[in-house]
Amino acid sequence: MSEFAKDIQGSDFEQVVIEGSKLIPVLVDFWAPWCGPCRALTPTLDKLANEYQGKFMLVKVNSDESPELSQRYNIRSIPNVKAFVDGELVDEFLGALPESAVREFIDRLLPTPGELLRRDAVARAHAGDIAEALEILDKAAALEPRNDAIQVDRIALLFESGQVQQARAAAEQLSPLASQDARARLVLARLRLADESEGAGDESVLEARVRSNPDDAEARLGLAKLYVKQQRYEPALDQLLEITRRDRRFGDDIGRKSVLAIFDLLGSDNEIVSRYRRQLSAALH
């Protein structure tokens, strides 16, 4: 067996497959010695593992010797090849497919040239070289202008380095589907809330205005902007919810939209979000 393929037991699965797939795609071949189609598929998998030279890892699991894995991954028929990427099961096929079909299956899993550049940029950014990371992301975006993952990383780095206008321009390049991705929502929420924190005004003056006129939505919004800038999200949410209750038309429904942006920023598992989501629902209905 080559360096690009290995036999494992159930105890090795987490480290070799789940963690390993965070670096390169991992193909797991569930097989058994008595299985004729398995013996037909094995030479094809071994050949391609050697040919691709580490672009993916081939892992073989004897389903008879690892019944717990077979049950965990619902193995009903073998050979069953399951593909893992970034720690997740992403695709699979059954039976002894011809080499061309297996090759096509593998190619769909491999990162594109733009994705390889993106990963390099992320590593550079983690090492503190933001300028170099942005240059690499620019190259990646030129190669794959519709790759939202590249644009999201560009927006995040531009924002973190204080290039807010450039980050806004990059955000305009995102596809409509990007809003379905949690990481994209987080980056866009940070950008929207940064916009809202500009030009907020003096806190004591704004508080006095709200006390004298509870319907002063502009003053409430100014306070919310200040609180967001101070990362005091609960009082910001209080002001934004009050705007939503009193005047949905103010600022093109900016109260509700800003509440949702804070939810995206904090994450759905945050206790504050759970509590204020109920309050938002009550305010709307």
Protein backbone atom coordinates (compact mmCIF):
# COMPACT_ATOMS: atom_id res chain seq x y z
CA MET A 1 0.00 0.00 0.00
CA SER A 2 1.29 3.47 -0.91
CA GLU A 3 1.80 6.52 1.29
CA PHE A 4 -1.44 7.91 -0.13
CA ALA A 5 -3.62 5.01 1.06
CA LYS A 6 -4.01 3.29 4.41
CA ASP A 7 -6.09 0.69 6.25
CA ILE A 8 -7.61 1.87 9.52
CA GLN A 9 -9.69 0.60 12.41
CA GLY A 10 -12.59 2.41 14.01
CA SER A 11 -10.38 3.95 16.71
CA ASP A 12 -8.35 5.78 14.05
CA PHE A 13 -11.32 7.18 12.15
CA GLU A 14 -11.65 10.51 13.96
CA GLN A 15 -8.00 11.44 13.56
CA VAL A 16 -7.31 10.05 10.10
CA VAL A 17 -10.61 10.84 8.38
CA ILE A 18 -12.37 13.67 10.20
CA GLU A 19 -9.28 15.67 11.14
CA GLY A 20 -7.37 14.64 8.02
CA SER A 21 -10.14 15.86 5.74
CA LYS A 22 -9.65 19.37 7.10
CA LEU A 23 -6.37 19.39 5.16
CA ILE A 24 -7.18 17.37 2.02
CA PRO A 25 -10.22 15.36 0.83
CA VAL A 26 -10.39 11.84 2.28
CA LEU A 27 -12.06 8.94 0.44
CA VAL A 28 -13.18 6.11 2.71
CA ASP A 29 -13.64 2.76 0.99
CA PHE A 30 -15.89 0.44 3.00
CA TRP A 31 -15.11 -3.09 1.79
CA ALA A 32 -14.87 -6.74 2.87
CA PRO A 33 -12.64 -9.65 1.76
CA TRP A 34 -15.59 -11.71 0.49
CA CYS A 35 -16.91 -8.87 -1.73
CA GLY A 36 -16.20 -9.42 -5.44
CA PRO A 37 -17.04 -5.84 -6.56
CA CYS A 38 -14.74 -4.58 -3.79
CA ARG A 39 -11.83 -6.53 -5.28
CA ALA A 40 -12.68 -5.02 -8.67
CA LEU A 41 -12.73 -1.44 -7.34
CA THR A 42 -9.60 -1.64 -5.17
CA PRO A 43 -7.02 -1.51 -8.02
CA THR A 44 -8.75 1.57 -9.47
CA LEU A 45 -8.71 3.40 -6.14
CA ASP A 46 -5.08 2.46 -5.49
CA LYS A 47 -4.03 3.58 -8.96
CA LEU A 48 -5.73 6.95 -8.64
CA ALA A 49 -4.37 7.53 -5.13
CA ASN A 50 -0.85 7.08 -6.51
CA GLU A 51 -1.57 9.16 -9.60
CA TYR A 52 -2.98 12.13 -7.63
CA GLN A 53 0.11 12.14 -5.39
CA GLY A 54 -1.46 13.28 -2.15
CA LYS A 55 -4.19 15.55 -3.48
CA PHE A 56 -6.53 13.21 -1.62
CA MET A 57 -6.08 10.41 0.91
CA LEU A 58 -7.55 6.95 0.36
CA VAL A 59 -8.64 5.20 3.55
CA LYS A 60 -9.86 1.61 3.61
CA VAL A 61 -12.20 0.24 6.25
CA ASN A 62 -13.00 -3.47 6.49
CA SER A 63 -16.72 -3.26 7.25
CA ASP A 64 -16.69 -6.71 8.92
CA GLU A 65 -13.97 -5.63 11.36
CA SER A 66 -15.47 -2.19 12.05
CA PRO A 67 -19.22 -2.78 12.46
CA GLU A 68 -19.61 0.37 14.55
CA LEU A 69 -18.42 2.52 11.62
CA SER A 70 -20.64 0.60 9.21
CA GLN A 71 -23.61 1.32 11.44
CA ARG A 72 -22.59 4.94 12.02
CA TYR A 73 -22.43 5.62 8.28
CA ASN A 74 -25.38 3.44 7.30
CA ILE A 75 -23.42 0.96 5.17
CA ARG A 76 -26.02 -1.27 3.49
CA SER A 77 -24.05 -2.42 0.48
CA ILE A 78 -20.37 -2.57 -0.42
CA PRO A 79 -18.19 -1.29 -1.86
CA ASN A 80 -19.37 2.06 -0.55
CA VAL A 81 -16.96 4.97 -0.99
CA LYS A 82 -17.68 8.05 1.12
CA ALA A 83 -15.92 11.39 0.65
CA PHE A 84 -15.06 13.71 3.55
CA VAL A 85 -14.04 17.37 3.21
CA ASP A 86 -13.45 19.80 6.07
CA GLY A 87 -14.57 17.17 8.58
CA GLU A 88 -17.92 16.54 6.89
CA LEU A 89 -19.33 13.75 4.73
CA VAL A 90 -19.98 15.48 1.40
CA ASP A 91 -20.53 12.76 -1.22
CA GLU A 92 -20.47 9.01 -1.87
CA PHE A 93 -20.90 6.29 -4.45
CA LEU A 94 -21.85 2.61 -4.42
CA GLY A 95 -20.44 -0.26 -6.45
CA ALA A 96 -17.40 -0.81 -8.63
CA LEU A 97 -17.57 2.23 -10.90
CA PRO A 98 -15.31 2.45 -13.95
CA GLU A 99 -12.10 4.45 -13.60
CA SER A 100 -13.46 7.43 -15.54
CA ALA A 101 -16.41 7.76 -13.17
CA VAL A 102 -14.20 7.45 -10.07
CA ARG A 103 -11.82 10.05 -11.48
CA GLU A 104 -14.72 12.43 -12.09
CA PHE A 105 -15.93 11.84 -8.54
CA ILE A 106 -12.50 12.69 -7.14
CA ASP A 107 -12.06 15.78 -9.32
CA ARG A 108 -15.27 17.27 -7.95
CA LEU A 109 -13.78 17.14 -4.46
CA LEU A 110 -10.45 18.79 -5.17
CA PRO A 111 -9.95 22.49 -4.43
CA THR A 112 -9.87 24.82 -7.41
CA PRO A 113 -6.81 27.03 -8.14
CA GLY A 114 -8.64 29.96 -6.60
CA GLU A 115 -9.44 27.96 -3.48
CA LEU A 116 -5.78 26.96 -3.10
CA LEU A 117 -4.82 30.63 -3.27
CA ARG A 118 -7.53 31.46 -0.73
CA ARG A 119 -6.14 28.91 1.72
CA ASP A 120 -2.66 30.31 1.24
CA ALA A 121 -3.99 33.81 1.93
CA VAL A 122 -5.72 32.67 5.11
CA ALA A 123 -2.47 31.13 6.34
CA ARG A 124 -0.59 34.37 5.56
CA ALA A 125 -3.24 36.38 7.42
CA HIS A 126 -2.98 34.13 10.47
CA ALA A 127 0.78 34.73 10.39
CA GLY A 128 0.13 38.46 10.48
CA ASP A 129 0.96 39.33 6.85
CA ILE A 130 -2.32 41.04 5.94
CA ALA A 131 -0.95 42.94 2.94
CA GLU A 132 0.41 39.78 1.32
CA ALA A 133 -2.81 37.92 2.11
CA LEU A 134 -4.87 40.61 0.38
CA GLU A 135 -2.63 40.49 -2.70
CA ILE A 136 -3.13 36.72 -2.92
CA LEU A 137 -6.89 37.09 -2.47
CA ASP A 138 -6.95 39.66 -5.29
CA LYS A 139 -5.31 37.07 -7.55
CA ALA A 140 -7.78 34.42 -6.41
CA ALA A 141 -10.74 36.73 -7.05
CA ALA A 142 -9.44 37.48 -10.55
CA LEU A 143 -9.30 33.75 -11.26
CA GLU A 144 -12.72 33.01 -9.75
CA PRO A 145 -14.80 36.20 -9.52
CA ARG A 146 -17.91 34.22 -8.54
CA ASN A 147 -16.27 32.42 -5.63
CA ASP A 148 -18.01 33.94 -2.62
CA ALA A 149 -15.61 32.31 -0.14
CA ILE A 150 -12.76 34.34 -1.63
CA GLN A 151 -14.75 37.56 -1.47
CA VAL A 152 -15.82 36.93 2.12
CA ASP A 153 -12.19 36.57 3.18
CA ARG A 154 -11.30 39.74 1.29
CA ILE A 155 -14.11 41.67 3.00
CA ALA A 156 -13.02 40.43 6.43
CA LEU A 157 -9.36 41.35 5.92
CA LEU A 158 -10.16 44.72 4.37
CA PHE A 159 -12.46 45.53 7.26
CA GLU A 160 -9.97 44.41 9.91
CA SER A 161 -7.23 46.49 8.32
CA GLY A 162 -9.39 49.61 8.36
CA GLN A 163 -10.16 49.67 4.62
CA VAL A 164 -13.90 49.95 5.17
CA GLN A 165 -14.77 51.55 1.82
CA GLN A 166 -12.90 48.81 -0.04
CA ALA A 167 -14.69 46.21 2.09
CA ARG A 168 -18.05 47.70 1.09
CA ALA A 169 -17.05 47.55 -2.58
CA ALA A 170 -16.04 43.90 -2.20
CA ALA A 171 -19.36 43.14 -0.50
CA GLU A 172 -21.17 44.33 -3.61
CA GLN A 173 -19.46 41.52 -5.55
CA LEU A 174 -21.10 38.79 -3.48
CA SER A 175 -23.81 36.69 -5.07
CA PRO A 176 -27.37 36.73 -3.66
CA LEU A 177 -26.78 33.20 -2.35
CA ALA A 178 -23.92 34.39 -0.12
CA SER A 179 -26.39 35.49 2.55
CA GLN A 180 -27.19 31.82 3.19
CA ASP A 181 -23.65 31.20 4.43
CA ALA A 182 -23.10 31.81 8.16
CA ARG A 183 -19.58 33.16 7.69
CA ALA A 184 -20.74 35.61 5.03
CA ARG A 185 -23.60 36.81 7.25
CA LEU A 186 -21.15 37.44 10.07
CA VAL A 187 -18.80 39.50 7.88
CA LEU A 188 -21.66 41.48 6.35
CA ALA A 189 -23.17 42.10 9.78
CA ARG A 190 -19.87 43.56 11.01
CA LEU A 191 -19.77 45.79 7.96
CA ARG A 192 -23.37 46.97 8.37
CA LEU A 193 -22.93 47.68 12.05
CA ALA A 194 -19.72 49.59 11.33
CA ASP A 195 -21.73 51.76 8.93
CA GLU A 196 -24.32 52.36 11.62
CA SER A 197 -21.75 53.32 14.26
CA GLU A 198 -20.60 56.33 12.25
CA GLY A 199 -21.84 59.78 13.19
CA ALA A 200 -23.80 58.64 16.23
CA GLY A 201 -23.53 61.81 18.33
CA ASP A 202 -23.12 62.58 22.05
CA GLU A 203 -24.54 59.93 24.38
CA SER A 204 -25.82 62.24 27.13
CA VAL A 205 -27.50 64.53 24.60
CA LEU A 206 -29.19 61.60 22.89
CA GLU A 207 -30.38 60.12 26.17
CA ALA A 208 -31.89 63.47 27.14
CA ARG A 209 -33.71 63.65 23.80
CA VAL A 210 -35.20 60.18 24.30
CA ARG A 211 -36.33 61.04 27.84
CA SER A 212 -38.05 64.18 26.63
CA ASN A 213 -39.55 62.53 23.55
CA PRO A 214 -39.80 58.70 23.55
CA ASP A 215 -40.88 58.80 19.89
CA ASP A 216 -37.57 60.38 18.79
CA ALA A 217 -36.43 57.49 16.58
CA GLU A 218 -33.42 59.41 15.33
CA ALA A 219 -32.10 59.83 18.87
CA ARG A 220 -32.78 56.16 19.66
CA LEU A 221 -30.89 55.13 16.53
CA GLY A 222 -27.98 57.38 17.51
CA LEU A 223 -27.86 55.70 20.92
CA ALA A 224 -27.98 52.25 19.34
CA LYS A 225 -25.04 53.19 17.09
CA LEU A 226 -23.00 54.31 20.09
CA TYR A 227 -23.81 51.15 22.02
CA VAL A 228 -22.83 48.97 19.07
CA LYS A 229 -19.53 50.82 18.79
CA GLN A 230 -18.98 50.13 22.50
CA GLN A 231 -20.04 46.48 21.97
CA ARG A 232 -22.92 47.01 24.40
CA TYR A 233 -25.34 44.97 22.37
CA GLU A 234 -28.22 44.58 24.82
CA PRO A 235 -28.92 48.33 25.25
CA ALA A 236 -28.45 48.72 21.50
CA LEU A 237 -31.07 46.04 20.90
CA ASP A 238 -33.41 47.73 23.40
CA GLN A 239 -33.27 50.98 21.43
CA LEU A 240 -33.64 49.26 18.06
CA LEU A 241 -36.61 47.22 19.24
CA GLU A 242 -38.26 50.37 20.54
CA ILE A 243 -37.82 51.97 17.11
CA THR A 244 -39.37 48.86 15.55
CA ARG A 245 -42.35 49.00 17.92
CA ARG A 246 -43.00 52.69 17.42
CA ASP A 247 -42.25 53.29 13.72
CA ARG A 248 -41.45 50.47 11.28
CA ARG A 249 -41.21 53.01 8.46
CA PHE A 250 -38.36 54.97 10.05
CA GLY A 251 -35.14 54.67 8.05
CA ASP A 252 -36.64 52.02 5.77
CA ASP A 253 -37.24 49.67 8.73
CA ILE A 254 -33.71 50.22 10.03
CA GLY A 255 -34.66 49.17 13.55
CA ARG A 256 -35.57 45.61 12.54
CA LYS A 257 -32.73 45.33 10.02
CA SER A 258 -30.17 46.43 12.60
CA VAL A 259 -31.53 43.95 15.14
CA LEU A 260 -31.02 41.15 12.63
CA ALA A 261 -27.49 42.36 11.88
CA ILE A 262 -26.64 42.11 15.59
CA PHE A 263 -28.17 38.62 15.69
CA ASP A 264 -25.89 37.59 12.82
CA LEU A 265 -22.90 39.09 14.60
CA LEU A 266 -23.56 37.34 17.91
CA GLY A 267 -24.60 33.99 16.41
CA SER A 268 -27.80 31.99 16.77
CA ASP A 269 -26.55 30.09 19.85
CA ASN A 270 -25.99 33.25 21.87
CA GLU A 271 -28.32 33.62 24.87
CA ILE A 272 -28.86 37.31 24.08
CA VAL A 273 -30.06 36.42 20.59
CA SER A 274 -32.51 33.82 21.93
CA ARG A 275 -33.97 36.31 24.37
CA TYR A 276 -34.21 39.24 21.97
CA ARG A 277 -35.52 37.11 19.11
CA ARG A 278 -38.67 36.56 21.16
CA GLN A 279 -38.93 40.28 21.82
CA LEU A 280 -38.51 41.05 18.11
CA SER A 281 -41.28 38.61 17.26
CA ALA A 282 -43.56 40.30 19.79
CA ALA A 283 -42.68 43.73 18.42
CA LEU A 284 -43.53 42.67 14.89
CA HIS A 285 -46.77 40.93 15.74
